[in-house]
Every structure is written in structure tokens, then in C-alpha cells.
PDB file of N, CA and C in Angstrom:
ATOM      1  N   MET A   1     125.487 121.223 110.251  1.00  0.00           N
ATOM      2  CA  MET A   1     125.202 119.695 109.796  1.00  0.00           C
ATOM      3  C   MET A   1     123.742 119.721 110.079  1.00  0.00           C
ATOM      4  N   PRO A   2     122.716 119.186 109.197  1.00  0.00           N
ATOM      5  CA  PRO A   2     121.272 119.008 109.430  1.00  0.00           C
ATOM      6  C   PRO A   2     121.194 117.703 110.550  1.00  0.00           C
ATOM      7  N   SER A   3     119.933 117.897 111.453  1.00  0.00           N
ATOM      8  CA  SER A   3     119.844 116.323 112.417  1.00  0.00           C
ATOM      9  C   SER A   3     119.126 115.588 111.502  1.00  0.00           C
ATOM     10  N   PRO A   4     119.211 114.421 111.794  1.00  0.00           N
ATOM     11  CA  PRO A   4     118.624 113.315 110.975  1.00  0.00           C
ATOM     12  C   PRO A   4     117.334 113.166 111.608  1.00  0.00           C
ATOM     13  N   PRO A   5     116.597 112.883 110.116  1.00  0.00           N
ATOM     14  CA  PRO A   5     115.159 112.711 110.433  1.00  0.00           C
ATOM     15  C   PRO A   5     114.527 112.058 111.568  1.00  0.00           C
ATOM     16  N   SER A   6     113.461 111.994 111.958  1.00  0.00           N
ATOM     17  CA  SER A   6     112.520 111.391 113.287  1.00  0.00           C
ATOM     18  C   SER A   6     112.300 110.223 112.632  1.00  0.00           C
ATOM     19  N   ILE A   7     112.100 109.429 113.755  1.00  0.00           N
ATOM     20  CA  ILE A   7     111.598 108.014 113.568  1.00  0.00           C
ATOM     21  C   ILE A   7     110.370 108.151 112.519  1.00  0.00           C
ATOM     22  N   GLY A   8     109.549 108.798 112.669  1.00  0.00           N
ATOM     23  CA  GLY A   8     108.266 108.776 112.135  1.00  0.00           C
ATOM     24  C   GLY A   8     108.402 109.388 110.784  1.00  0.00           C
ATOM     25  N   ARG A   9     109.361 110.152 110.668  1.00  0.00           N
ATOM     26  CA  ARG A   9     109.690 110.904 109.190  1.00  0.00           C
ATOM     27  C   ARG A   9     110.635 110.247 108.025  1.00  0.00           C
ATOM     28  N   SER A  10     111.342 108.969 108.898  1.00  0.00           N
ATOM     29  CA  SER A  10     112.568 108.339 108.424  1.00  0.00           C
ATOM     30  C   SER A  10     111.847 107.523 106.976  1.00  0.00           C
ATOM     31  N   LEU A  11     112.143 107.767 105.755  1.00  0.00           N
ATOM     32  CA  LEU A  11     111.835 106.759 104.643  1.00  0.00           C
ATOM     33  C   LEU A  11     111.859 105.231 105.112  1.00  0.00           C
ATOM     34  N   GLY A  12     110.533 104.848 104.807  1.00  0.00           N
ATOM     35  CA  GLY A  12     110.760 103.174 105.069  1.00  0.00           C
ATOM     36  C   GLY A  12     111.163 102.686 106.046  1.00  0.00           C
ATOM     37  N   TRP A  13     110.531 103.329 107.381  1.00  0.00           N
ATOM     38  CA  TRP A  13     110.359 102.743 108.608  1.00  0.00           C
ATOM     39  C   TRP A  13     109.230 102.578 108.810  1.00  0.00           C
ATOM     40  N   PRO A  14     108.491 101.512 109.711  1.00  0.00           N
ATOM     41  CA  PRO A  14     109.491 100.433 109.811  1.00  0.00           C
ATOM     42  C   PRO A  14     109.898  99.547 108.957  1.00  0.00           C
ATOM     43  N   ARG A  15     111.049  98.708 108.701  1.00  0.00           N
ATOM     44  CA  ARG A  15     111.172  98.117 107.526  1.00  0.00           C
ATOM     45  C   ARG A  15     110.051  96.641 107.716  1.00  0.00           C
ATOM     46  N   VAL A  16     109.890  96.584 106.597  1.00  0.00           N
ATOM     47  CA  VAL A  16     108.852  95.491 106.434  1.00  0.00           C
ATOM     48  C   VAL A  16     108.913  94.561 105.398  1.00  0.00           C
ATOM     49  N   GLU A  17     109.067  93.096 105.530  1.00  0.00           N
ATOM     50  CA  GLU A  17     108.920  92.404 104.791  1.00  0.00           C
ATOM     51  C   GLU A  17     107.831  91.490 103.905  1.00  0.00           C
ATOM     52  N   LEU A  18     107.490  91.396 102.781  1.00  0.00           N
ATOM     53  CA  LEU A  18     106.388  90.877 102.060  1.00  0.00           C
ATOM     54  C   LEU A  18     106.416  89.335 101.723  1.00  0.00           C
ATOM     55  N   SER A  19     105.777  88.452 101.637  1.00  0.00           N
ATOM     56  CA  SER A  19     105.918  87.132 101.412  1.00  0.00           C
ATOM     57  C   SER A  19     104.212  86.779 100.528  1.00  0.00           C
ATOM     58  N   GLU A  20     104.265  86.044  99.837  1.00  0.00           N
ATOM     59  CA  GLU A  20     102.965  85.168  99.593  1.00  0.00           C
ATOM     60  C   GLU A  20     103.127  84.187  99.121  1.00  0.00           C
ATOM     61  N   ASN A  21     102.149  83.773  98.857  1.00  0.00           N
ATOM     62  CA  ASN A  21     101.768  82.209  98.269  1.00  0.00           C
ATOM     63  C   ASN A  21     100.036  82.197  97.478  1.00  0.00           C
ATOM     64  N   ASP A  22      99.913  81.356  97.175  1.00  0.00           N
ATOM     65  CA  ASP A  22      98.114  81.260  96.669  1.00  0.00           C
ATOM     66  C   ASP A  22      97.163  81.360  97.678  1.00  0.00           C
ATOM     67  N   LYS A  23      97.762  81.371  98.534  1.00  0.00           N
ATOM     68  CA  LYS A  23      96.784  81.152  99.896  1.00  0.00           C
ATOM     69  C   LYS A  23      96.616  82.519 100.784  1.00  0.00           C
ATOM     70  N   GLU A  24      97.778  82.832 100.899  1.00  0.00           N
ATOM     71  CA  GLU A  24      97.742  84.406 101.966  1.00  0.00           C
ATOM     72  C   GLU A  24      99.173  85.206 101.361  1.00  0.00           C
ATOM     73  N   ILE A  25      99.335  86.304 102.061  1.00  0.00           N
ATOM     74  CA  ILE A  25     100.108  87.303 101.869  1.00  0.00           C
ATOM     75  C   ILE A  25     100.430  87.283 103.391  1.00  0.00           C
ATOM     76  N   ARG A  26     101.702  87.411 103.521  1.00  0.00           N
ATOM     77  CA  ARG A  26     102.056  87.811 104.701  1.00  0.00           C
ATOM     78  C   ARG A  26     102.998  88.951 104.879  1.00  0.00           C
ATOM     79  N   VAL A  27     102.985  89.807 105.893  1.00  0.00           N
ATOM     80  CA  VAL A  27     103.542  91.247 106.271  1.00  0.00           C
ATOM     81  C   VAL A  27     104.357  91.036 107.754  1.00  0.00           C
ATOM     82  N   THR A  28     105.645  91.341 107.346  1.00  0.00           N
ATOM     83  CA  THR A  28     106.605  91.105 108.931  1.00  0.00           C
ATOM     84  C   THR A  28     107.031  92.689 109.149  1.00  0.00           C
ATOM     85  N   ALA A  29     106.963  93.126 110.016  1.00  0.00           N
ATOM     86  CA  ALA A  29     107.576  94.374 110.436  1.00  0.00           C
ATOM     87  C   ALA A  29     108.136  94.433 111.511  1.00  0.00           C
ATOM     88  N   GLU A  30     109.359  94.612 111.379  1.00  0.00           N
ATOM     89  CA  GLU A  30     110.277  94.957 112.754  1.00  0.00           C
ATOM     90  C   GLU A  30     109.980  96.450 113.404  1.00  0.00           C
ATOM     91  N   LEU A  31     109.567  96.328 114.803  1.00  0.00           N
ATOM     92  CA  LEU A  31     108.951  97.228 115.504  1.00  0.00           C
ATOM     93  C   LEU A  31     109.916  97.161 117.341  1.00  0.00           C
ATOM     94  N   PRO A  32     111.223  97.089 117.223  1.00  0.00           N
ATOM     95  CA  PRO A  32     111.651  97.407 118.096  1.00  0.00           C
ATOM     96  C   PRO A  32     111.549  98.522 119.044  1.00  0.00           C
ATOM     97  N   ASP A  33     111.228  98.114 120.688  1.00  0.00           N
ATOM     98  CA  ASP A  33     111.306  99.200 121.425  1.00  0.00           C
ATOM     99  C   ASP A  33     109.890  99.729 121.401  1.00  0.00           C
ATOM    100  N   ILE A  34     108.711  98.997 120.768  1.00  0.00           N
ATOM    101  CA  ILE A  34     107.598  99.258 120.613  1.00  0.00           C
ATOM    102  C   ILE A  34     106.651  98.657 121.219  1.00  0.00           C
ATOM    103  N   GLU A  35     105.548  99.006 122.406  1.00  0.00           N
ATOM    104  CA  GLU A  35     104.972  98.356 123.169  1.00  0.00           C
ATOM    105  C   GLU A  35     103.406  97.736 121.839  1.00  0.00           C
ATOM    106  N   GLU A  36     102.806  96.953 122.197  1.00  0.00           N
ATOM    107  CA  GLU A  36     101.566  96.395 120.875  1.00  0.00           C
ATOM    108  C   GLU A  36     100.566  97.455 121.248  1.00  0.00           C
ATOM    109  N   LYS A  37     100.548  98.015 122.607  1.00  0.00           N
ATOM    110  CA  LYS A  37      98.889  98.888 122.122  1.00  0.00           C
ATOM    111  C   LYS A  37      99.711 100.261 121.868  1.00  0.00           C
ATOM    112  N   ASP A  38     101.204 100.569 121.567  1.00  0.00           N
ATOM    113  CA  ASP A  38     101.222 101.608 120.918  1.00  0.00           C
ATOM    114  C   ASP A  38     101.191 101.355 118.972  1.00  0.00           C
ATOM    115  N   ILE A  39     100.695 100.263 118.810  1.00  0.00           N
ATOM    116  CA  ILE A  39     100.345 100.214 117.311  1.00  0.00           C
ATOM    117  C   ILE A  39      99.076 100.122 116.886  1.00  0.00           C
ATOM    118  N   GLU A  40      98.487 100.195 115.860  1.00  0.00           N
ATOM    119  CA  GLU A  40      97.206 100.239 115.345  1.00  0.00           C
ATOM    120  C   GLU A  40      97.629  99.597 113.913  1.00  0.00           C
ATOM    121  N   ILE A  41      96.919  98.856 113.587  1.00  0.00           N
ATOM    122  CA  ILE A  41      96.859  97.931 112.212  1.00  0.00           C
ATOM    123  C   ILE A  41      95.013  98.140 111.635  1.00  0.00           C
ATOM    124  N   SER A  42      95.194  98.339 110.064  1.00  0.00           N
ATOM    125  CA  SER A  42      93.659  98.512 109.858  1.00  0.00           C
ATOM    126  C   SER A  42      93.748  98.183 108.046  1.00  0.00           C
ATOM    127  N   LEU A  43      92.691  98.029 107.606  1.00  0.00           N
ATOM    128  CA  LEU A  43      92.765  98.321 106.191  1.00  0.00           C
ATOM    129  C   LEU A  43      91.599  99.402 105.532  1.00  0.00           C
ATOM    130  N   ASP A  44      92.622  99.479 104.414  1.00  0.00           N
ATOM    131  CA  ASP A  44      91.808 100.928 104.125  1.00  0.00           C
ATOM    132  C   ASP A  44      92.068 100.989 102.742  1.00  0.00           C
ATOM    133  N   ASP A  45      91.033 100.702 101.688  1.00  0.00           N
ATOM    134  CA  ASP A  45      90.827 100.981 100.507  1.00  0.00           C
ATOM    135  C   ASP A  45      91.975  99.921  99.607  1.00  0.00           C
ATOM    136  N   HIS A  46      91.987  98.802 100.052  1.00  0.00           N
ATOM    137  CA  HIS A  46      92.975  97.713  99.293  1.00  0.00           C
ATOM    138  C   HIS A  46      94.404  98.179  99.951  1.00  0.00           C
ATOM    139  N   GLN A  47      94.795  98.896 100.936  1.00  0.00           N
ATOM    140  CA  GLN A  47      96.167  99.259 101.814  1.00  0.00           C
ATOM    141  C   GLN A  47      95.781  98.483 103.009  1.00  0.00           C
ATOM    142  N   LEU A  48      96.651  97.832 103.530  1.00  0.00           N
ATOM    143  CA  LEU A  48      97.541  97.567 104.886  1.00  0.00           C
ATOM    144  C   LEU A  48      98.047  98.839 105.724  1.00  0.00           C
ATOM    145  N   VAL A  49      97.659  99.055 106.177  1.00  0.00           N
ATOM    146  CA  VAL A  49      98.006 100.284 107.130  1.00  0.00           C
ATOM    147  C   VAL A  49      98.549 100.217 108.625  1.00  0.00           C
ATOM    148  N   ILE A  50      99.841 100.145 108.876  1.00  0.00           N
ATOM    149  CA  ILE A  50     100.376 100.141 110.224  1.00  0.00           C
ATOM    150  C   ILE A  50     101.044 101.431 110.465  1.00  0.00           C
ATOM    151  N   ARG A  51     100.278 101.556 111.720  1.00  0.00           N
ATOM    152  CA  ARG A  51     100.920 103.217 112.397  1.00  0.00           C
ATOM    153  C   ARG A  51     101.178 102.820 113.947  1.00  0.00           C
ATOM    154  N   GLY A  52     101.771 103.862 114.113  1.00  0.00           N
ATOM    155  CA  GLY A  52     102.147 103.944 115.770  1.00  0.00           C
ATOM    156  C   GLY A  52     103.059 104.898 116.443  1.00  0.00           C
ATOM    157  N   GLU A  53     103.223 104.799 117.402  1.00  0.00           N
ATOM    158  CA  GLU A  53     104.045 105.722 117.919  1.00  0.00           C
ATOM    159  C   GLU A  53     105.196 105.236 118.628  1.00  0.00           C
ATOM    160  N   LYS A  54     106.388 105.607 118.555  1.00  0.00           N
ATOM    161  CA  LYS A  54     107.327 104.896 119.541  1.00  0.00           C
ATOM    162  C   LYS A  54     107.781 105.903 120.810  1.00  0.00           C
ATOM    163  N   LYS A  55     107.861 105.626 121.804  1.00  0.00           N
ATOM    164  CA  LYS A  55     108.158 106.447 122.848  1.00  0.00           C
ATOM    165  C   LYS A  55     109.440 106.019 123.692  1.00  0.00           C
ATOM    166  N   SER A  56     110.027 106.707 123.928  1.00  0.00           N
ATOM    167  CA  SER A  56     111.399 106.232 124.659  1.00  0.00           C
ATOM    168  C   SER A  56     111.580 107.366 125.811  1.00  0.00           C
ATOM    169  N   GLU A  57     112.088 106.852 126.916  1.00  0.00           N
ATOM    170  CA  GLU A  57     112.768 107.735 127.956  1.00  0.00           C
ATOM    171  C   GLU A  57     113.495 106.887 128.521  1.00  0.00           C
ATOM    172  N   THR A  58     114.649 108.049 128.843  1.00  0.00           N
ATOM    173  CA  THR A  58     115.797 107.291 129.799  1.00  0.00           C
ATOM    174  C   THR A  58     116.545 108.526 130.902  1.00  0.00           C
ATOM    175  N   SER A  59     116.948 108.104 131.545  1.00  0.00           N
ATOM    176  CA  SER A  59     117.058 109.035 132.820  1.00  0.00           C
ATOM    177  C   SER A  59     117.975 108.302 133.859  1.00  0.00           C
ATOM    178  N   ASP A  60     118.956 109.360 134.238  1.00  0.00           N
ATOM    179  CA  ASP A  60     119.688 109.009 135.293  1.00  0.00           C
ATOM    180  C   ASP A  60     119.932 110.246 136.195  1.00  0.00           C
ATOM    181  N   GLU A  61     119.238 110.069 137.118  1.00  0.00           N
ATOM    182  CA  GLU A  61     118.981 110.840 138.255  1.00  0.00           C
ATOM    183  C   GLU A  61     120.451 111.372 138.954  1.00  0.00           C
ATOM    184  N   GLU A  62     121.314 110.213 139.395  1.00  0.00           N
ATOM    185  CA  GLU A  62     122.695 110.760 140.051  1.00  0.00           C
ATOM    186  C   GLU A  62     123.342 111.691 138.885  1.00  0.00           C
ATOM    187  N   ARG A  63     123.420 111.412 137.833  1.00  0.00           N
ATOM    188  CA  ARG A  63     123.968 112.405 136.974  1.00  0.00           C
ATOM    189  C   ARG A  63     123.355 113.689 136.480  1.00  0.00           C
ATOM    190  N   GLY A  64     122.010 113.685 136.823  1.00  0.00           N
ATOM    191  CA  GLY A  64     121.028 114.795 136.189  1.00  0.00           C
ATOM    192  C   GLY A  64     120.759 114.791 134.987  1.00  0.00           C
ATOM    193  N   TYR A  65     120.240 113.561 134.428  1.00  0.00           N
ATOM    194  CA  TYR A  65     120.247 113.517 133.025  1.00  0.00           C
ATOM    195  C   TYR A  65     119.208 112.748 132.501  1.00  0.00           C
ATOM    196  N   SER A  66     118.131 113.167 131.543  1.00  0.00           N
ATOM    197  CA  SER A  66     117.194 112.490 131.124  1.00  0.00           C
ATOM    198  C   SER A  66     116.970 113.042 129.651  1.00  0.00           C
ATOM    199  N   GLU A  67     116.435 111.797 128.592  1.00  0.00           N
ATOM    200  CA  GLU A  67     116.338 111.705 127.530  1.00  0.00           C
ATOM    201  C   GLU A  67     114.963 111.259 127.249  1.00  0.00           C
ATOM    202  N   ARG A  68     114.234 112.159 126.148  1.00  0.00           N
ATOM    203  CA  ARG A  68     112.888 111.630 125.655  1.00  0.00           C
ATOM    204  C   ARG A  68     112.756 111.720 124.105  1.00  0.00           C
ATOM    205  N   SER A  69     112.600 110.888 123.876  1.00  0.00           N
ATOM    206  CA  SER A  69     112.132 110.639 122.254  1.00  0.00           C
ATOM    207  C   SER A  69     111.004 110.040 121.903  1.00  0.00           C
ATOM    208  N   TYR A  70     110.097 110.796 121.094  1.00  0.00           N
ATOM    209  CA  TYR A  70     108.764 110.322 120.432  1.00  0.00           C
ATOM    210  C   TYR A  70     109.052 110.363 118.946  1.00  0.00           C
ATOM    211  N   GLY A  71     108.296 109.249 118.359  1.00  0.00           N
ATOM    212  CA  GLY A  71     107.898 109.743 116.912  1.00  0.00           C
ATOM    213  C   GLY A  71     106.683 108.930 116.466  1.00  0.00           C
ATOM    214  N   ARG A  72     105.980 109.512 115.480  1.00  0.00           N
ATOM    215  CA  ARG A  72     104.848 109.036 114.801  1.00  0.00           C
ATOM    216  C   ARG A  72     105.242 108.327 113.793  1.00  0.00           C
ATOM    217  N   PHE A  73     104.788 107.041 113.107  1.00  0.00           N
ATOM    218  CA  PHE A  73     104.959 106.374 111.903  1.00  0.00           C
ATOM    219  C   PHE A  73     103.851 105.701 111.524  1.00  0.00           C
ATOM    220  N   GLU A  74     103.427 105.671 110.124  1.00  0.00           N
ATOM    221  CA  GLU A  74     102.827 104.825 109.508  1.00  0.00           C
ATOM    222  C   GLU A  74     103.631 104.159 108.178  1.00  0.00           C
ATOM    223  N   ARG A  75     102.992 103.275 108.025  1.00  0.00           N
ATOM    224  CA  ARG A  75     103.306 102.530 106.492  1.00  0.00           C
ATOM    225  C   ARG A  75     102.025 101.962 105.613  1.00  0.00           C
ATOM    226  N   ARG A  76     102.085 102.044 104.359  1.00  0.00           N
ATOM    227  CA  ARG A  76     101.008 101.394 103.708  1.00  0.00           C
ATOM    228  C   ARG A  76     101.287 100.795 102.526  1.00  0.00           C
ATOM    229  N   ILE A  77     100.599  99.132 102.674  1.00  0.00           N
ATOM    230  CA  ILE A  77     101.275  98.704 101.847  1.00  0.00           C
ATOM    231  C   ILE A  77     100.037  97.921 100.954  1.00  0.00           C
ATOM    232  N   GLY A  78     100.194  98.387  99.433  1.00  0.00           N
ATOM    233  CA  GLY A  78      99.215  97.902  98.704  1.00  0.00           C
ATOM    234  C   GLY A  78      98.881  96.260  98.602  1.00  0.00           C
ATOM    235  N   LEU A  79      97.533  96.205  98.473  1.00  0.00           N
ATOM    236  CA  LEU A  79      96.692  94.909  98.604  1.00  0.00           C
ATOM    237  C   LEU A  79      96.425  94.267  97.293  1.00  0.00           C
ATOM    238  N   PRO A  80      96.109  93.257  96.829  1.00  0.00           N
ATOM    239  CA  PRO A  80      95.080  92.953  95.997  1.00  0.00           C
ATOM    240  C   PRO A  80      94.004  92.608  96.401  1.00  0.00           C
ATOM    241  N   SER A  81      92.693  92.969  95.270  1.00  0.00           N
ATOM    242  CA  SER A  81      91.272  93.254  95.939  1.00  0.00           C
ATOM    243  C   SER A  81      90.808  91.919  96.138  1.00  0.00           C
ATOM    244  N   GLN A  82      91.493  91.266  96.070  1.00  0.00           N
ATOM    245  CA  GLN A  82      90.830  89.589  96.138  1.00  0.00           C
ATOM    246  C   GLN A  82      91.623  88.878  97.307  1.00  0.00           C
ATOM    247  N   ILE A  83      91.449  89.607  98.737  1.00  0.00           N
ATOM    248  CA  ILE A  83      91.732  89.275  99.705  1.00  0.00           C
ATOM    249  C   ILE A  83      90.261  88.958 100.703  1.00  0.00           C
ATOM    250  N   ASP A  84      90.488  88.327 101.842  1.00  0.00           N
ATOM    251  CA  ASP A  84      89.328  87.953 102.891  1.00  0.00           C
ATOM    252  C   ASP A  84      89.541  88.920 103.888  1.00  0.00           C
ATOM    253  N   GLU A  85      89.191  89.825 103.873  1.00  0.00           N
ATOM    254  CA  GLU A  85      89.282  91.155 105.074  1.00  0.00           C
ATOM    255  C   GLU A  85      88.856  90.286 106.115  1.00  0.00           C
ATOM    256  N   GLU A  86      87.735  90.039 106.379  1.00  0.00           N
ATOM    257  CA  GLU A  86      87.368  88.881 107.189  1.00  0.00           C
ATOM    258  C   GLU A  86      88.356  88.401 108.406  1.00  0.00           C
ATOM    259  N   LYS A  87      89.264  88.047 107.888  1.00  0.00           N
ATOM    260  CA  LYS A  87      89.838  86.528 108.571  1.00  0.00           C
ATOM    261  C   LYS A  87      91.559  87.164 108.525  1.00  0.00           C
ATOM    262  N   VAL A  88      91.600  88.621 107.935  1.00  0.00           N
ATOM    263  CA  VAL A  88      93.040  88.863 108.382  1.00  0.00           C
ATOM    264  C   VAL A  88      93.442  88.640 109.793  1.00  0.00           C
ATOM    265  N   GLU A  89      94.705  88.166 110.347  1.00  0.00           N
ATOM    266  CA  GLU A  89      95.306  88.016 111.394  1.00  0.00           C
ATOM    267  C   GLU A  89      96.458  88.733 111.686  1.00  0.00           C
ATOM    268  N   ALA A  90      96.756  89.248 113.058  1.00  0.00           N
ATOM    269  CA  ALA A  90      97.977  89.982 113.601  1.00  0.00           C
ATOM    270  C   ALA A  90      98.669  89.029 114.683  1.00  0.00           C
ATOM    271  N   ALA A  91      99.749  89.416 114.555  1.00  0.00           N
ATOM    272  CA  ALA A  91     100.284  88.858 115.812  1.00  0.00           C
ATOM    273  C   ALA A  91     102.017  89.304 116.294  1.00  0.00           C
ATOM    274  N   PHE A  92     102.112  89.745 117.465  1.00  0.00           N
ATOM    275  CA  PHE A  92     103.033  90.885 117.641  1.00  0.00           C
ATOM    276  C   PHE A  92     104.111  90.095 118.760  1.00  0.00           C
ATOM    277  N   ARG A  93     105.375  89.560 118.500  1.00  0.00           N
ATOM    278  CA  ARG A  93     106.205  89.097 119.403  1.00  0.00           C
ATOM    279  C   ARG A  93     107.377  89.548 119.143  1.00  0.00           C
ATOM    280  N   ASN A  94     108.012  90.098 120.509  1.00  0.00           N
ATOM    281  CA  ASN A  94     109.380  90.413 120.948  1.00  0.00           C
ATOM    282  C   ASN A  94     110.096  91.145 119.684  1.00  0.00           C
ATOM    283  N   GLY A  95     109.151  92.165 119.530  1.00  0.00           N
ATOM    284  CA  GLY A  95     109.477  93.379 118.562  1.00  0.00           C
ATOM    285  C   GLY A  95     108.949  93.160 117.139  1.00  0.00           C
ATOM    286  N   VAL A  96     108.340  91.884 116.825  1.00  0.00           N
ATOM    287  CA  VAL A  96     108.144  91.654 115.488  1.00  0.00           C
ATOM    288  C   VAL A  96     106.887  91.428 115.192  1.00  0.00           C
ATOM    289  N   LEU A  97     106.047  92.304 114.459  1.00  0.00           N
ATOM    290  CA  LEU A  97     104.390  92.622 113.696  1.00  0.00           C
ATOM    291  C   LEU A  97     104.277  91.451 112.489  1.00  0.00           C
ATOM    292  N   THR A  98     103.515  90.100 112.708  1.00  0.00           N
ATOM    293  CA  THR A  98     103.192  89.380 111.670  1.00  0.00           C
ATOM    294  C   THR A  98     101.576  89.978 111.290  1.00  0.00           C
ATOM    295  N   VAL A  99     101.585  89.844 109.783  1.00  0.00           N
ATOM    296  CA  VAL A  99     100.001  90.260 109.390  1.00  0.00           C
ATOM    297  C   VAL A  99      99.996  89.121 108.397  1.00  0.00           C
ATOM    298  N   THR A 100      98.726  88.320 108.497  1.00  0.00           N
ATOM    299  CA  THR A 100      98.546  87.513 107.688  1.00  0.00           C
ATOM    300  C   THR A 100      97.276  87.503 107.058  1.00  0.00           C
ATOM    301  N   VAL A 101      97.256  88.376 105.596  1.00  0.00           N
ATOM    302  CA  VAL A 101      96.146  88.414 105.123  1.00  0.00           C
ATOM    303  C   VAL A 101      95.854  87.153 103.771  1.00  0.00           C
ATOM    304  N   PRO A 102      94.813  86.765 104.290  1.00  0.00           N
ATOM    305  CA  PRO A 102      94.282  85.223 103.467  1.00  0.00           C
ATOM    306  C   PRO A 102      93.841  85.816 102.076  1.00  0.00           C
ATOM    307  N   ARG A 103      94.097  85.166 101.174  1.00  0.00           N
ATOM    308  CA  ARG A 103      93.325  85.272  99.713  1.00  0.00           C
ATOM    309  C   ARG A 103      92.390  84.489  99.600  1.00  0.00           C
ATOM    310  N   THR A 104      91.050  85.037  98.529  1.00  0.00           N
ATOM    311  CA  THR A 104      90.022  84.778  98.677  1.00  0.00           C
ATOM    312  C   THR A 104      90.565  83.345  97.502  1.00  0.00           C
ATOM    313  N   ALA A 105      89.400  82.393  97.302  1.00  0.00           N
ATOM    314  CA  ALA A 105      89.544  81.227  96.545  1.00  0.00           C
ATOM    315  C   ALA A 105      89.393  81.615  95.137  1.00  0.00           C
ATOM    316  N   GLU A 106      88.976  83.036  94.625  1.00  0.00           N
ATOM    317  CA  GLU A 106      89.470  83.755  93.561  1.00  0.00           C
ATOM    318  C   GLU A 106      90.713  83.906  92.909  1.00  0.00           C
ATOM    319  N   ALA A 107      91.332  84.201  93.943  1.00  0.00           N
ATOM    320  CA  ALA A 107      92.453  84.904  93.788  1.00  0.00           C
ATOM    321  C   ALA A 107      93.471  83.700  93.452  1.00  0.00           C
ATOM    322  N   ALA A 108      93.715  82.541  93.656  1.00  0.00           N
ATOM    323  CA  ALA A 108      94.247  81.593  93.153  1.00  0.00           C
ATOM    324  C   ALA A 108      93.908  81.320  91.457  1.00  0.00           C
ATOM    325  N   LYS A 109      92.840  81.268  91.285  1.00  0.00           N
ATOM    326  CA  LYS A 109      92.696  81.154  89.662  1.00  0.00           C
ATOM    327  C   LYS A 109      93.051  82.147  88.755  1.00  0.00           C
ATOM    328  N   LEU A 110      93.225  83.628  89.626  1.00  0.00           N
ATOM    329  CA  LEU A 110      93.573  84.736  88.631  1.00  0.00           C
ATOM    330  C   LEU A 110      95.387  84.838  88.256  1.00  0.00           C
ATOM    331  N   ARG A 111      95.914  83.886  89.050  1.00  0.00           N
ATOM    332  CA  ARG A 111      97.317  83.628  88.900  1.00  0.00           C
ATOM    333  C   ARG A 111      97.826  83.574  87.743  1.00  0.00           C
ATOM    334  N   LYS A 112      98.365  83.874  86.525  1.00  0.00           N
ATOM    335  CA  LYS A 112      99.048  83.505  85.446  1.00  0.00           C
ATOM    336  C   LYS A 112     100.461  83.466  85.289  1.00  0.00           C
ATOM    337  N   THR A 113     101.368  82.893  84.875  1.00  0.00           N
ATOM    338  CA  THR A 113     102.532  82.647  84.453  1.00  0.00           C
ATOM    339  C   THR A 113     102.657  83.534  83.121  1.00  0.00           C
ATOM    340  N   ILE A 114     103.398  84.147  82.874  1.00  0.00           N
ATOM    341  CA  ILE A 114     103.693  85.311  81.864  1.00  0.00           C
ATOM    342  C   ILE A 114     105.082  84.456  81.076  1.00  0.00           C
ATOM    343  N   SER A 115     104.959  84.133  79.859  1.00  0.00           N
ATOM    344  CA  SER A 115     106.365  83.662  79.314  1.00  0.00           C
ATOM    345  C   SER A 115     107.300  85.144  78.694  1.00  0.00           C
ATOM    346  N   ILE A 116     108.650  84.811  78.446  1.00  0.00           N
ATOM    347  CA  ILE A 116     108.920  85.787  78.031  1.00  0.00           C
ATOM    348  C   ILE A 116     110.015  85.072  76.886  1.00  0.00           C
ATOM    349  N   ASN A 117     108.994  86.497  75.659  1.00  0.00           N
ATOM    350  CA  ASN A 117     109.206  86.237  74.158  1.00  0.00           C
ATOM    351  C   ASN A 117     110.698  86.568  73.973  1.00  0.00           C
ATOM    352  N   ALA A 118     111.652  85.827  73.282  1.00  0.00           N
ATOM    353  CA  ALA A 118     112.974  85.782  72.708  1.00  0.00           C
ATOM    354  C   ALA A 118     112.943  86.829  71.799  1.00  0.00           C
ATOM    355  N   GLY A 119     114.012  87.722  71.523  1.00  0.00           N
ATOM    356  CA  GLY A 119     113.968  88.244  70.439  1.00  0.00           C
ATOM    357  C   GLY A 119     113.918  89.802  70.177  1.00  0.00           C
TER     358      GLY A 119
END
């Protein structure tokens, strides 16, 4: 039986949730058991890049047991070109990373509702 993929190679990890309105795009990522110092956030060619490393160590000297697991991860999320890169903010609390990406004033003007033709 093949072993499960490591955390850095599992598809879709970390889980992210996207929400947006006319003013901003908000990306929320669940990063349990990861410390803020092990997370890197950047913008790269209209992509929000979240990368880091998960390190876990457990030991029980009385039983002679220790376990270590490490895994790197990276998620890339495509962004529109009408964002204000200078005002992007990030917060990390209780294992949840929230990145707020403000839209430029021009972005609200570019939104358009498209009607569906019956028929």
C-alpha cells in the first residue's frame, strides 16, 4: 500500500477560501500547527504566493519514542491586474492566515454584469 503524500505535496494544501467585493479580495488559509515565522507571503506576476514549512516533533523519552515530520508547501492564487500592491495586508491568528488585497479604484469600474440569453 503506497504511503500518503507528504504535506508539501498534497494537492490543495493548505485549504484556502476566497471572497471579494468591489473594494478588496480576501484570501483565508488554514495553517494549523504552523508558526508565523515559518510562513512567507509574496506577490509574483499577479499571483499571491503563500509558502512555508510545517515542522512537527513528538517524543516520549519514557517509552523511547520520538517522531518528526517536516513538509514544505506552496499555494499560488491568481489575482487580477487591478490591485493596489502597496496596500496588501496579512494577519495570522490561531492558525488562520488572512491576506487582504485592495482593489484599485479602476477595478470597480471594470466590473460588468453579463445577462444570459434564453434560447
